[in-house]
Amino acid sequence: MTTQEILEAARGAKTAVALSDSGTRDSALLGMADALCAPESMDAILAANAEDMAAAKGRISDVMLDRLALTPQRIEAMAKGIRDVAALPDPVGEMSDIKRRPSGIHLGKMRVPRGVIGLIYEARPNVTADAAALCLKSGNAAILRGGKEAIHANRAIAACVRAGLLAAGLPEHAVQVVDTTDRAAVGALI
């Protein structure tokens, strides 16, 4: 998909996510976590990460290589993080600062989804899972653009995200990973 097509698909998915109930979003999150830990998915993620690591060796610092590296334990930690987000109270519709006006009207703040959230981040594949979970929990669609060093792992993680979305009956385009390392995609997102 082109960046423009990704933007349009996310825009098309945002209403379904915003109108979904907490149970549906939580089900999608739990499906994502389960997909990440499935043996075939874990193997695919680790293989994709090995490809990223091989390409990045000698091009980025040891600290960045460590951030890029995935292990079964790190993948399980990503899944645990998603499950932790699913266990949080639903923020959508939460009311606060309710005040009664002299006319008798009650005014307050209500948390509502923003629509489509775009995130650009460095070569940390765990952020793909974290950002997807937080955006979905809050009723938002998401477009994620990770660093070029993590493109293969991000694609593999995105497949798990899509599996969770589809299993819960949400549009697969509700969370998308920009599938190019071209810097022009960043300009298009902005």
N, C-alpha and C. Protein backbone atom coordinates (compact mmCIF):
# COMPACT_ATOMS: atom_id res chain seq x y z
N MET A 1 0.83 -1.19 0.00
CA MET A 1 0.00 0.00 0.00
C MET A 1 0.87 1.25 0.00
N THR A 2 0.43 2.25 -0.69
CA THR A 2 1.13 3.52 -0.63
C THR A 2 0.78 4.20 0.70
N THR A 3 1.56 5.20 1.04
CA THR A 3 1.29 5.92 2.28
C THR A 3 -0.09 6.56 2.24
N GLN A 4 -0.49 7.09 1.10
CA GLN A 4 -1.82 7.68 0.96
C GLN A 4 -2.91 6.64 1.16
N GLU A 5 -2.70 5.45 0.62
CA GLU A 5 -3.69 4.38 0.80
C GLU A 5 -3.78 3.95 2.27
N ILE A 6 -2.63 3.93 2.95
CA ILE A 6 -2.61 3.60 4.38
C ILE A 6 -3.42 4.63 5.16
N LEU A 7 -3.21 5.90 4.83
CA LEU A 7 -3.94 6.97 5.52
C LEU A 7 -5.45 6.84 5.29
N GLU A 8 -5.83 6.57 4.07
CA GLU A 8 -7.26 6.44 3.76
C GLU A 8 -7.87 5.21 4.43
N ALA A 9 -7.13 4.11 4.46
CA ALA A 9 -7.63 2.90 5.11
C ALA A 9 -7.80 3.12 6.61
N ALA A 10 -6.85 3.82 7.22
CA ALA A 10 -6.97 4.12 8.66
C ALA A 10 -8.17 5.02 8.91
N ARG A 11 -8.36 5.99 8.06
CA ARG A 11 -9.51 6.88 8.20
C ARG A 11 -10.81 6.07 8.09
N GLY A 12 -10.83 5.10 7.19
CA GLY A 12 -12.01 4.26 7.04
C GLY A 12 -12.26 3.36 8.24
N ALA A 13 -11.20 2.98 8.95
CA ALA A 13 -11.33 2.07 10.09
C ALA A 13 -11.60 2.79 11.40
N LYS A 14 -11.33 4.09 11.45
CA LYS A 14 -11.39 4.80 12.74
C LYS A 14 -12.78 4.79 13.37
N THR A 15 -13.82 4.87 12.59
CA THR A 15 -15.17 4.91 13.15
C THR A 15 -15.53 3.59 13.81
N ALA A 16 -15.17 2.49 13.16
CA ALA A 16 -15.47 1.18 13.74
C ALA A 16 -14.76 1.00 15.07
N VAL A 17 -13.53 1.46 15.15
CA VAL A 17 -12.77 1.34 16.40
C VAL A 17 -13.37 2.26 17.46
N ALA A 18 -13.67 3.49 17.09
CA ALA A 18 -14.21 4.46 18.05
C ALA A 18 -15.56 4.01 18.60
N LEU A 19 -16.36 3.35 17.79
CA LEU A 19 -17.69 2.91 18.21
C LEU A 19 -17.70 1.53 18.84
N SER A 20 -16.56 0.84 18.80
CA SER A 20 -16.51 -0.50 19.39
C SER A 20 -16.57 -0.40 20.91
N ASP A 21 -17.10 -1.44 21.51
CA ASP A 21 -17.18 -1.43 22.98
C ASP A 21 -15.86 -1.91 23.58
N SER A 22 -15.73 -1.68 24.85
CA SER A 22 -14.51 -2.03 25.56
C SER A 22 -14.20 -3.52 25.44
N GLY A 23 -15.21 -4.36 25.52
CA GLY A 23 -15.01 -5.80 25.43
C GLY A 23 -14.42 -6.22 24.10
N THR A 24 -14.87 -5.58 23.02
CA THR A 24 -14.35 -5.90 21.69
C THR A 24 -12.89 -5.47 21.58
N ARG A 25 -12.60 -4.26 22.04
CA ARG A 25 -11.20 -3.79 21.98
C ARG A 25 -10.30 -4.66 22.86
N ASP A 26 -10.78 -5.02 24.04
CA ASP A 26 -9.98 -5.88 24.92
C ASP A 26 -9.78 -7.26 24.30
N SER A 27 -10.80 -7.78 23.63
CA SER A 27 -10.68 -9.06 22.95
C SER A 27 -9.62 -8.99 21.85
N ALA A 28 -9.60 -7.89 21.11
CA ALA A 28 -8.58 -7.70 20.08
C ALA A 28 -7.18 -7.65 20.70
N LEU A 29 -7.06 -6.96 21.82
CA LEU A 29 -5.77 -6.87 22.49
C LEU A 29 -5.30 -8.25 22.96
N LEU A 30 -6.20 -9.01 23.57
CA LEU A 30 -5.83 -10.34 24.03
C LEU A 30 -5.49 -11.25 22.86
N GLY A 31 -6.19 -11.08 21.75
CA GLY A 31 -5.87 -11.84 20.53
C GLY A 31 -4.49 -11.49 20.00
N MET A 32 -4.14 -10.21 20.07
CA MET A 32 -2.79 -9.79 19.64
C MET A 32 -1.73 -10.45 20.51
N ALA A 33 -1.95 -10.41 21.81
CA ALA A 33 -0.98 -10.99 22.75
C ALA A 33 -0.84 -12.49 22.50
N ASP A 34 -1.96 -13.17 22.32
CA ASP A 34 -1.91 -14.61 22.04
C ASP A 34 -1.18 -14.89 20.74
N ALA A 35 -1.44 -14.07 19.72
CA ALA A 35 -0.78 -14.26 18.42
C ALA A 35 0.73 -14.07 18.54
N LEU A 36 1.15 -13.09 19.34
CA LEU A 36 2.59 -12.87 19.53
C LEU A 36 3.27 -14.10 20.13
N CYS A 37 2.59 -14.78 21.05
CA CYS A 37 3.17 -15.91 21.77
C CYS A 37 2.97 -17.25 21.08
N ALA A 38 2.18 -17.27 20.01
CA ALA A 38 1.99 -18.52 19.27
C ALA A 38 3.35 -18.96 18.72
N PRO A 39 3.67 -20.23 18.81
CA PRO A 39 5.01 -20.69 18.38
C PRO A 39 5.38 -20.29 16.95
N GLU A 40 4.44 -20.39 16.02
CA GLU A 40 4.77 -20.04 14.63
C GLU A 40 5.02 -18.53 14.49
N SER A 41 4.26 -17.73 15.21
CA SER A 41 4.47 -16.28 15.17
C SER A 41 5.79 -15.91 15.82
N MET A 42 6.08 -16.52 16.95
CA MET A 42 7.33 -16.21 17.65
C MET A 42 8.51 -16.57 16.76
N ASP A 43 8.43 -17.71 16.09
CA ASP A 43 9.51 -18.10 15.17
C ASP A 43 9.66 -17.09 14.04
N ALA A 44 8.53 -16.63 13.50
CA ALA A 44 8.56 -15.66 12.41
C ALA A 44 9.14 -14.32 12.88
N ILE A 45 8.76 -13.90 14.07
CA ILE A 45 9.27 -12.63 14.61
C ILE A 45 10.77 -12.73 14.86
N LEU A 46 11.20 -13.83 15.45
CA LEU A 46 12.63 -14.00 15.74
C LEU A 46 13.45 -14.08 14.45
N ALA A 47 12.93 -14.76 13.43
CA ALA A 47 13.63 -14.83 12.15
C ALA A 47 13.70 -13.45 11.49
N ALA A 48 12.61 -12.71 11.55
CA ALA A 48 12.60 -11.36 10.98
C ALA A 48 13.57 -10.45 11.73
N ASN A 49 13.59 -10.59 13.05
CA ASN A 49 14.50 -9.79 13.85
C ASN A 49 15.96 -10.14 13.56
N ALA A 50 16.24 -11.42 13.33
CA ALA A 50 17.61 -11.83 12.99
C ALA A 50 18.04 -11.17 11.69
N GLU A 51 17.12 -11.05 10.75
CA GLU A 51 17.41 -10.37 9.48
C GLU A 51 17.71 -8.88 9.73
N ASP A 52 16.90 -8.25 10.59
CA ASP A 52 17.14 -6.85 10.95
C ASP A 52 18.50 -6.68 11.63
N MET A 53 18.80 -7.58 12.56
CA MET A 53 20.06 -7.50 13.31
C MET A 53 21.26 -7.64 12.38
N ALA A 54 21.18 -8.58 11.44
CA ALA A 54 22.29 -8.80 10.51
C ALA A 54 22.52 -7.57 9.64
N ALA A 55 21.44 -6.95 9.20
CA ALA A 55 21.57 -5.76 8.36
C ALA A 55 22.07 -4.55 9.14
N ALA A 56 21.76 -4.49 10.44
CA ALA A 56 22.12 -3.32 11.25
C ALA A 56 23.52 -3.41 11.86
N LYS A 57 24.04 -4.62 11.98
CA LYS A 57 25.36 -4.81 12.61
C LYS A 57 26.41 -3.98 11.89
N GLY A 58 27.15 -3.21 12.68
CA GLY A 58 28.19 -2.35 12.12
C GLY A 58 27.68 -1.00 11.64
N ARG A 59 26.37 -0.83 11.59
CA ARG A 59 25.78 0.44 11.14
C ARG A 59 25.21 1.26 12.28
N ILE A 60 24.87 0.58 13.40
CA ILE A 60 24.32 1.29 14.54
C ILE A 60 25.09 0.89 15.80
N SER A 61 24.95 1.66 16.83
CA SER A 61 25.70 1.43 18.08
C SER A 61 25.24 0.14 18.77
N ASP A 62 26.07 -0.34 19.68
CA ASP A 62 25.72 -1.53 20.45
C ASP A 62 24.46 -1.31 21.29
N VAL A 63 24.29 -0.09 21.79
CA VAL A 63 23.08 0.23 22.57
C VAL A 63 21.85 0.10 21.69
N MET A 64 21.93 0.63 20.48
CA MET A 64 20.79 0.52 19.56
C MET A 64 20.56 -0.92 19.13
N LEU A 65 21.64 -1.68 18.95
CA LEU A 65 21.50 -3.11 18.62
C LEU A 65 20.76 -3.84 19.72
N ASP A 66 21.09 -3.50 20.97
CA ASP A 66 20.40 -4.14 22.09
C ASP A 66 18.91 -3.80 22.09
N ARG A 67 18.57 -2.56 21.77
CA ARG A 67 17.16 -2.16 21.70
C ARG A 67 16.43 -2.87 20.56
N LEU A 68 17.16 -3.15 19.50
CA LEU A 68 16.60 -3.81 18.32
C LEU A 68 16.40 -5.31 18.55
N ALA A 69 17.24 -5.90 19.37
CA ALA A 69 17.23 -7.35 19.56
C ALA A 69 15.96 -7.85 20.26
N LEU A 70 15.41 -8.93 19.73
CA LEU A 70 14.28 -9.59 20.35
C LEU A 70 14.68 -11.00 20.75
N THR A 71 14.12 -11.44 21.84
CA THR A 71 14.30 -12.79 22.35
C THR A 71 12.91 -13.32 22.68
N PRO A 72 12.77 -14.61 22.90
CA PRO A 72 11.45 -15.11 23.32
C PRO A 72 10.94 -14.39 24.57
N GLN A 73 11.85 -14.08 25.50
CA GLN A 73 11.45 -13.38 26.73
C GLN A 73 10.95 -11.96 26.42
N ARG A 74 11.60 -11.28 25.51
CA ARG A 74 11.16 -9.92 25.15
C ARG A 74 9.82 -9.96 24.43
N ILE A 75 9.60 -10.97 23.61
CA ILE A 75 8.31 -11.09 22.93
C ILE A 75 7.22 -11.40 23.94
N GLU A 76 7.51 -12.26 24.89
CA GLU A 76 6.54 -12.55 25.96
C GLU A 76 6.27 -11.31 26.80
N ALA A 77 7.29 -10.47 27.00
CA ALA A 77 7.09 -9.21 27.73
C ALA A 77 6.20 -8.26 26.94
N MET A 78 6.34 -8.25 25.61
CA MET A 78 5.44 -7.44 24.78
C MET A 78 4.00 -7.91 24.95
N ALA A 79 3.82 -9.23 24.91
CA ALA A 79 2.47 -9.79 25.07
C ALA A 79 1.92 -9.46 26.45
N LYS A 80 2.75 -9.54 27.49
CA LYS A 80 2.30 -9.20 28.84
C LYS A 80 1.89 -7.73 28.90
N GLY A 81 2.66 -6.86 28.24
CA GLY A 81 2.32 -5.44 28.21
C GLY A 81 0.96 -5.21 27.55
N ILE A 82 0.69 -5.94 26.49
CA ILE A 82 -0.61 -5.81 25.82
C ILE A 82 -1.72 -6.30 26.74
N ARG A 83 -1.49 -7.41 27.42
CA ARG A 83 -2.50 -7.93 28.36
C ARG A 83 -2.73 -6.94 29.51
N ASP A 84 -1.66 -6.30 29.96
CA ASP A 84 -1.80 -5.28 31.02
C ASP A 84 -2.65 -4.11 30.55
N VAL A 85 -2.47 -3.70 29.30
CA VAL A 85 -3.29 -2.61 28.74
C VAL A 85 -4.75 -3.06 28.66
N ALA A 86 -4.98 -4.30 28.24
CA ALA A 86 -6.35 -4.81 28.15
C ALA A 86 -7.04 -4.80 29.52
N ALA A 87 -6.27 -5.02 30.57
CA ALA A 87 -6.84 -5.08 31.93
C ALA A 87 -7.14 -3.70 32.51
N LEU A 88 -6.66 -2.65 31.87
CA LEU A 88 -6.93 -1.30 32.37
C LEU A 88 -8.40 -0.93 32.18
N PRO A 89 -8.92 -0.02 33.00
CA PRO A 89 -10.30 0.42 32.78
C PRO A 89 -10.42 1.14 31.44
N ASP A 90 -11.59 1.04 30.85
CA ASP A 90 -11.83 1.68 29.56
C ASP A 90 -11.80 3.20 29.73
N PRO A 91 -10.90 3.89 29.01
CA PRO A 91 -10.85 5.35 29.14
C PRO A 91 -11.94 6.06 28.33
N VAL A 92 -12.49 5.38 27.33
CA VAL A 92 -13.46 6.02 26.44
C VAL A 92 -14.76 6.28 27.20
N GLY A 93 -15.20 7.52 27.17
CA GLY A 93 -16.44 7.91 27.82
C GLY A 93 -16.28 8.31 29.28
N GLU A 94 -15.07 8.22 29.80
CA GLU A 94 -14.84 8.60 31.21
C GLU A 94 -15.09 10.09 31.39
N MET A 95 -15.83 10.43 32.42
CA MET A 95 -16.18 11.82 32.71
C MET A 95 -15.36 12.32 33.90
N SER A 96 -14.98 13.59 33.84
CA SER A 96 -14.26 14.21 34.95
C SER A 96 -14.59 15.70 35.00
N ASP A 97 -14.21 16.32 36.08
CA ASP A 97 -14.40 17.77 36.27
C ASP A 97 -15.83 18.22 36.01
N ILE A 98 -16.78 17.46 36.51
CA ILE A 98 -18.19 17.82 36.31
C ILE A 98 -18.55 18.92 37.29
N LYS A 99 -19.08 19.98 36.72
CA LYS A 99 -19.48 21.14 37.53
C LYS A 99 -20.92 21.51 37.18
N ARG A 100 -21.61 21.94 38.18
CA ARG A 100 -22.99 22.40 37.97
C ARG A 100 -22.97 23.92 37.76
N ARG A 101 -23.52 24.35 36.67
CA ARG A 101 -23.62 25.77 36.34
C ARG A 101 -24.84 26.36 37.05
N PRO A 102 -24.87 27.67 37.25
CA PRO A 102 -26.01 28.30 37.91
C PRO A 102 -27.35 28.00 37.23
N SER A 103 -27.30 27.76 35.94
CA SER A 103 -28.53 27.45 35.20
C SER A 103 -29.03 26.02 35.46
N GLY A 104 -28.21 25.22 36.16
CA GLY A 104 -28.59 23.84 36.44
C GLY A 104 -27.95 22.82 35.50
N ILE A 105 -27.29 23.32 34.48
CA ILE A 105 -26.64 22.42 33.52
C ILE A 105 -25.35 21.87 34.15
N HIS A 106 -25.09 20.61 33.91
CA HIS A 106 -23.85 19.99 34.34
C HIS A 106 -22.87 19.98 33.17
N LEU A 107 -21.68 20.53 33.39
CA LEU A 107 -20.63 20.55 32.38
C LEU A 107 -19.45 19.74 32.89
N GLY A 108 -18.81 19.05 31.99
CA GLY A 108 -17.64 18.27 32.38
C GLY A 108 -16.83 17.88 31.16
N LYS A 109 -15.77 17.17 31.43
CA LYS A 109 -14.90 16.68 30.36
C LYS A 109 -15.18 15.20 30.15
N MET A 110 -15.22 14.81 28.89
CA MET A 110 -15.40 13.40 28.56
C MET A 110 -14.27 12.97 27.64
N ARG A 111 -13.68 11.82 27.94
CA ARG A 111 -12.62 11.28 27.09
C ARG A 111 -13.26 10.61 25.89
N VAL A 112 -12.80 11.03 24.71
CA VAL A 112 -13.30 10.46 23.46
C VAL A 112 -12.10 10.13 22.56
N PRO A 113 -12.26 9.18 21.65
CA PRO A 113 -11.18 8.87 20.72
C PRO A 113 -10.86 10.07 19.84
N ARG A 114 -9.59 10.18 19.46
CA ARG A 114 -9.14 11.28 18.60
C ARG A 114 -9.37 10.95 17.13
N GLY A 115 -9.33 9.68 16.77
CA GLY A 115 -9.52 9.29 15.38
C GLY A 115 -8.39 8.40 14.91
N VAL A 116 -7.41 8.99 14.23
CA VAL A 116 -6.25 8.26 13.76
C VAL A 116 -5.02 8.89 14.39
N ILE A 117 -4.21 8.07 15.03
CA ILE A 117 -2.98 8.54 15.65
C ILE A 117 -1.80 8.01 14.86
N GLY A 118 -0.90 8.90 14.50
CA GLY A 118 0.32 8.50 13.79
C GLY A 118 1.50 8.58 14.73
N LEU A 119 2.32 7.55 14.74
CA LEU A 119 3.51 7.52 15.59
C LEU A 119 4.73 7.19 14.74
N ILE A 120 5.78 7.95 14.95
CA ILE A 120 7.06 7.71 14.30
C ILE A 120 8.06 7.48 15.41
N TYR A 121 8.77 6.37 15.35
CA TYR A 121 9.68 6.01 16.43
C TYR A 121 10.90 5.31 15.86
N GLU A 122 11.90 5.15 16.71
CA GLU A 122 13.17 4.58 16.27
C GLU A 122 13.10 3.05 16.18
N ALA A 123 14.24 2.45 16.03
CA ALA A 123 14.36 1.01 15.81
C ALA A 123 14.13 0.21 17.08
N ARG A 124 12.91 0.22 17.57
CA ARG A 124 12.54 -0.54 18.76
C ARG A 124 11.26 -1.30 18.45
N PRO A 125 11.37 -2.55 18.01
CA PRO A 125 10.16 -3.27 17.59
C PRO A 125 9.12 -3.44 18.68
N ASN A 126 9.53 -3.42 19.94
CA ASN A 126 8.54 -3.56 21.02
C ASN A 126 7.57 -2.38 21.03
N VAL A 127 8.00 -1.23 20.54
CA VAL A 127 7.12 -0.05 20.50
C VAL A 127 5.93 -0.30 19.56
N THR A 128 6.14 -1.11 18.55
CA THR A 128 5.05 -1.43 17.62
C THR A 128 3.89 -2.05 18.38
N ALA A 129 4.18 -3.03 19.22
CA ALA A 129 3.13 -3.68 20.00
C ALA A 129 2.56 -2.73 21.05
N ASP A 130 3.43 -2.00 21.75
CA ASP A 130 2.97 -1.08 22.79
C ASP A 130 2.06 0.01 22.23
N ALA A 131 2.49 0.64 21.14
CA ALA A 131 1.71 1.73 20.55
C ALA A 131 0.38 1.22 20.00
N ALA A 132 0.41 0.05 19.36
CA ALA A 132 -0.83 -0.52 18.84
C ALA A 132 -1.83 -0.75 19.98
N ALA A 133 -1.34 -1.29 21.08
CA ALA A 133 -2.21 -1.58 22.22
C ALA A 133 -2.81 -0.32 22.82
N LEU A 134 -1.99 0.69 23.04
CA LEU A 134 -2.48 1.92 23.66
C LEU A 134 -3.47 2.65 22.77
N CYS A 135 -3.18 2.70 21.47
CA CYS A 135 -4.10 3.38 20.56
C CYS A 135 -5.43 2.64 20.50
N LEU A 136 -5.37 1.33 20.39
CA LEU A 136 -6.61 0.56 20.30
C LEU A 136 -7.43 0.66 21.59
N LYS A 137 -6.77 0.56 22.73
CA LYS A 137 -7.49 0.65 24.02
C LYS A 137 -8.26 1.96 24.13
N SER A 138 -7.67 3.03 23.60
CA SER A 138 -8.31 4.35 23.69
C SER A 138 -9.27 4.61 22.53
N GLY A 139 -9.56 3.59 21.73
CA GLY A 139 -10.56 3.72 20.67
C GLY A 139 -10.07 4.40 19.41
N ASN A 140 -8.77 4.40 19.20
CA ASN A 140 -8.19 5.08 18.05
C ASN A 140 -7.58 4.11 17.06
N ALA A 141 -7.63 4.48 15.79
CA ALA A 141 -6.87 3.77 14.77
C ALA A 141 -5.44 4.29 14.85
N ALA A 142 -4.49 3.54 14.31
CA ALA A 142 -3.09 3.94 14.42
C ALA A 142 -2.32 3.63 13.14
N ILE A 143 -1.42 4.54 12.82
CA ILE A 143 -0.45 4.32 11.75
C ILE A 143 0.92 4.42 12.41
N LEU A 144 1.69 3.34 12.31
CA LEU A 144 2.96 3.25 13.01
C LEU A 144 4.12 3.21 12.01
N ARG A 145 5.11 4.03 12.24
CA ARG A 145 6.30 4.08 11.38
C ARG A 145 7.53 3.91 12.25
N GLY A 146 8.03 2.69 12.31
CA GLY A 146 9.23 2.41 13.09
C GLY A 146 10.48 2.70 12.28
N GLY A 147 11.61 2.62 12.96
CA GLY A 147 12.89 2.84 12.30
C GLY A 147 13.18 1.78 11.24
N LYS A 148 13.95 2.17 10.23
CA LYS A 148 14.23 1.26 9.12
C LYS A 148 14.97 0.01 9.58
N GLU A 149 15.70 0.11 10.67
CA GLU A 149 16.45 -1.04 11.17
C GLU A 149 15.55 -2.17 11.66
N ALA A 150 14.30 -1.87 11.98
CA ALA A 150 13.38 -2.87 12.53
C ALA A 150 12.25 -3.24 11.57
N ILE A 151 12.40 -2.95 10.30
CA ILE A 151 11.29 -3.13 9.36
C ILE A 151 10.78 -4.56 9.30
N HIS A 152 11.66 -5.54 9.30
CA HIS A 152 11.21 -6.93 9.19
C HIS A 152 10.48 -7.39 10.44
N ALA A 153 11.03 -7.07 11.61
CA ALA A 153 10.36 -7.44 12.86
C ALA A 153 9.02 -6.71 12.99
N ASN A 154 8.99 -5.44 12.59
CA ASN A 154 7.73 -4.69 12.67
C ASN A 154 6.65 -5.32 11.79
N ARG A 155 7.04 -5.80 10.62
CA ARG A 155 6.08 -6.47 9.73
C ARG A 155 5.53 -7.73 10.40
N ALA A 156 6.41 -8.50 11.03
CA ALA A 156 5.98 -9.74 11.69
C ALA A 156 5.07 -9.44 12.89
N ILE A 157 5.39 -8.41 13.63
CA ILE A 157 4.56 -8.01 14.77
C ILE A 157 3.21 -7.49 14.27
N ALA A 158 3.23 -6.75 13.17
CA ALA A 158 1.99 -6.22 12.58
C ALA A 158 1.05 -7.35 12.17
N ALA A 159 1.60 -8.47 11.72
CA ALA A 159 0.75 -9.62 11.36
C ALA A 159 -0.01 -10.12 12.59
N CYS A 160 0.64 -10.11 13.75
CA CYS A 160 -0.02 -10.53 15.00
C CYS A 160 -1.09 -9.52 15.41
N VAL A 161 -0.80 -8.25 15.20
CA VAL A 161 -1.78 -7.20 15.51
C VAL A 161 -3.01 -7.39 14.63
N ARG A 162 -2.79 -7.60 13.34
CA ARG A 162 -3.92 -7.82 12.41
C ARG A 162 -4.74 -9.04 12.83
N ALA A 163 -4.06 -10.11 13.23
CA ALA A 163 -4.76 -11.33 13.65
C ALA A 163 -5.70 -11.04 14.83
N GLY A 164 -5.22 -10.28 15.80
CA GLY A 164 -6.05 -9.93 16.94
C GLY A 164 -7.23 -9.06 16.56
N LEU A 165 -7.00 -8.10 15.67
CA LEU A 165 -8.09 -7.23 15.21
C LEU A 165 -9.17 -8.04 14.50
N LEU A 166 -8.75 -8.87 13.57
CA LEU A 166 -9.71 -9.65 12.79
C LEU A 166 -10.47 -10.63 13.66
N ALA A 167 -9.79 -11.26 14.61
CA ALA A 167 -10.45 -12.22 15.50
C ALA A 167 -11.55 -11.54 16.34
N ALA A 168 -11.36 -10.27 16.64
CA ALA A 168 -12.35 -9.54 17.44
C ALA A 168 -13.41 -8.85 16.57
N GLY A 169 -13.28 -8.97 15.26
CA GLY A 169 -14.26 -8.36 14.36
C GLY A 169 -14.00 -6.89 14.07
N LEU A 170 -12.79 -6.44 14.33
CA LEU A 170 -12.43 -5.05 14.01
C LEU A 170 -11.70 -5.01 12.67
N PRO A 171 -11.73 -3.87 11.99
CA PRO A 171 -11.05 -3.79 10.69
C PRO A 171 -9.54 -3.99 10.83
N GLU A 172 -8.97 -4.78 9.92
CA GLU A 172 -7.54 -5.04 9.98
C GLU A 172 -6.70 -3.77 9.75
N HIS A 173 -7.29 -2.77 9.15
CA HIS A 173 -6.57 -1.52 8.88
C HIS A 173 -6.65 -0.55 10.06
N ALA A 174 -7.20 -0.99 11.17
CA ALA A 174 -7.30 -0.11 12.34
C ALA A 174 -5.93 0.19 12.92
N VAL A 175 -4.98 -0.72 12.75
CA VAL A 175 -3.59 -0.49 13.16
C VAL A 175 -2.73 -0.95 12.00
N GLN A 176 -1.93 -0.03 11.48
CA GLN A 176 -1.09 -0.35 10.34
C GLN A 176 0.35 0.07 10.59
N VAL A 177 1.24 -0.73 10.05
CA VAL A 177 2.66 -0.39 10.08
C VAL A 177 3.03 0.06 8.68
N VAL A 178 3.64 1.22 8.57
CA VAL A 178 4.10 1.71 7.27
C VAL A 178 5.17 0.74 6.78
N ASP A 179 4.94 0.15 5.63
CA ASP A 179 5.76 -0.95 5.14
C ASP A 179 6.87 -0.49 4.20
N THR A 180 7.41 0.66 4.46
CA THR A 180 8.51 1.14 3.63
C THR A 180 9.52 1.85 4.52
N THR A 181 10.76 1.82 4.09
CA THR A 181 11.80 2.54 4.82
C THR A 181 12.10 3.88 4.15
N ASP A 182 11.37 4.19 3.11
CA ASP A 182 11.55 5.46 2.39
C ASP A 182 11.19 6.64 3.30
N ARG A 183 12.10 7.59 3.41
CA ARG A 183 11.86 8.75 4.25
C ARG A 183 10.72 9.62 3.75
N ALA A 184 10.38 9.51 2.48
CA ALA A 184 9.27 10.29 1.95
C ALA A 184 7.96 9.92 2.64
N ALA A 185 7.87 8.70 3.15
CA ALA A 185 6.65 8.28 3.86
C ALA A 185 6.45 9.11 5.12
N VAL A 186 7.53 9.51 5.76
CA VAL A 186 7.42 10.33 6.96
C VAL A 186 6.79 11.68 6.60
N GLY A 187 7.25 12.28 5.53
CA GLY A 187 6.67 13.54 5.08
C GLY A 187 5.20 13.41 4.75
N ALA A 188 4.83 12.31 4.12
CA ALA A 188 3.42 12.08 3.79
C ALA A 188 2.58 11.93 5.06
N LEU A 189 3.13 11.26 6.07
CA LEU A 189 2.38 11.10 7.32
C LEU A 189 2.19 12.43 8.01
N ILE A 190 3.23 13.23 8.00
CA ILE A 190 3.15 14.53 8.70
C ILE A 190 2.22 15.44 7.94
